[in-house]
Protein backbone atom coordinates (compact mmCIF):
# COMPACT_ATOMS: atom_id res chain seq x y z
CA MET A 1 106.17 131.36 94.95
CA ALA A 2 104.83 129.11 92.73
CA LYS A 3 104.60 126.23 95.50
CA THR A 4 102.83 128.48 97.70
CA VAL A 5 99.91 129.59 95.27
CA PHE A 6 100.02 125.74 94.19
CA THR A 7 99.62 124.63 97.61
CA ILE A 8 96.96 127.47 98.28
CA LEU A 9 95.01 126.48 95.08
CA TRP A 10 95.28 122.66 96.17
CA ALA A 11 93.96 123.04 99.68
CA ALA A 12 90.84 125.10 98.37
CA LEU A 13 90.33 122.24 95.88
CA LEU A 14 90.36 119.74 98.72
CA ILE A 15 88.04 121.80 100.95
CA VAL A 16 85.33 122.18 98.06
CA VAL A 17 85.66 118.29 97.53
CA ASN A 18 85.22 117.59 100.92
CA GLN A 19 82.18 120.03 101.22
CA VAL A 20 80.57 118.28 98.07
CA LEU A 21 80.93 115.11 99.68
CA HIS A 22 79.85 115.73 103.38
CA ASP A 23 77.64 113.11 103.94
CA ASN A 24 79.83 110.12 102.06
CA ILE A 25 82.82 109.49 104.59
CA TRP A 26 84.43 107.05 102.38
CA ALA A 27 84.16 109.04 99.31
CA GLN A 28 85.73 111.84 101.25
CA TYR A 29 88.49 109.28 102.45
CA ALA A 30 89.27 108.36 98.80
CA ALA A 31 89.04 111.96 97.51
CA THR A 32 91.33 112.98 99.89
CA PHE A 33 93.96 109.98 99.34
CA LEU A 34 93.80 110.52 95.06
CA LEU A 35 94.17 114.60 95.62
CA GLY A 36 97.25 113.78 98.06
CA GLY A 37 98.71 111.39 95.60
CA CYS A 38 98.06 113.85 92.80
CA TYR A 39 99.60 116.90 94.62
CA ALA A 40 102.93 114.67 95.44
CA LEU A 41 103.06 113.66 91.87
CA ALA A 42 102.82 117.51 90.33
CA PHE A 43 105.60 118.30 92.55
CA ALA A 44 107.69 115.54 91.69
CA LYS A 45 106.84 115.99 87.88
CA VAL A 46 106.15 119.36 87.21
CA LYS A 47 109.38 121.48 86.41
CA PHE A 48 108.03 124.94 87.31
CA LEU A 49 107.23 123.39 90.87
CA ARG A 50 110.37 122.01 91.58
CA GLY A 51 112.05 125.01 91.22
CA GLY A 52 115.65 123.70 90.08
CA LYS A 53 116.27 122.11 93.34
CA ALA A 54 115.83 118.45 92.47
CA ARG A 55 118.00 116.87 89.88
CA GLU A 56 116.80 114.32 87.35
CA VAL A 57 119.06 111.39 87.23
CA SER A 58 119.51 109.72 83.70
CA LYS A 59 121.25 106.57 83.10
């Protein structure tokens, strides 16, 4: 459930950012790229979004 809510909120944030940067195409590309990277990083690092399916490997 947390993944779904997080994804919907992230999509809303992306839409808002793209609306704010409407006339600046390169800024939209950069914002989309950066927000996509932050989204992927959040799923990789935030424990409650992983849901226990991903294991941490320690040496």
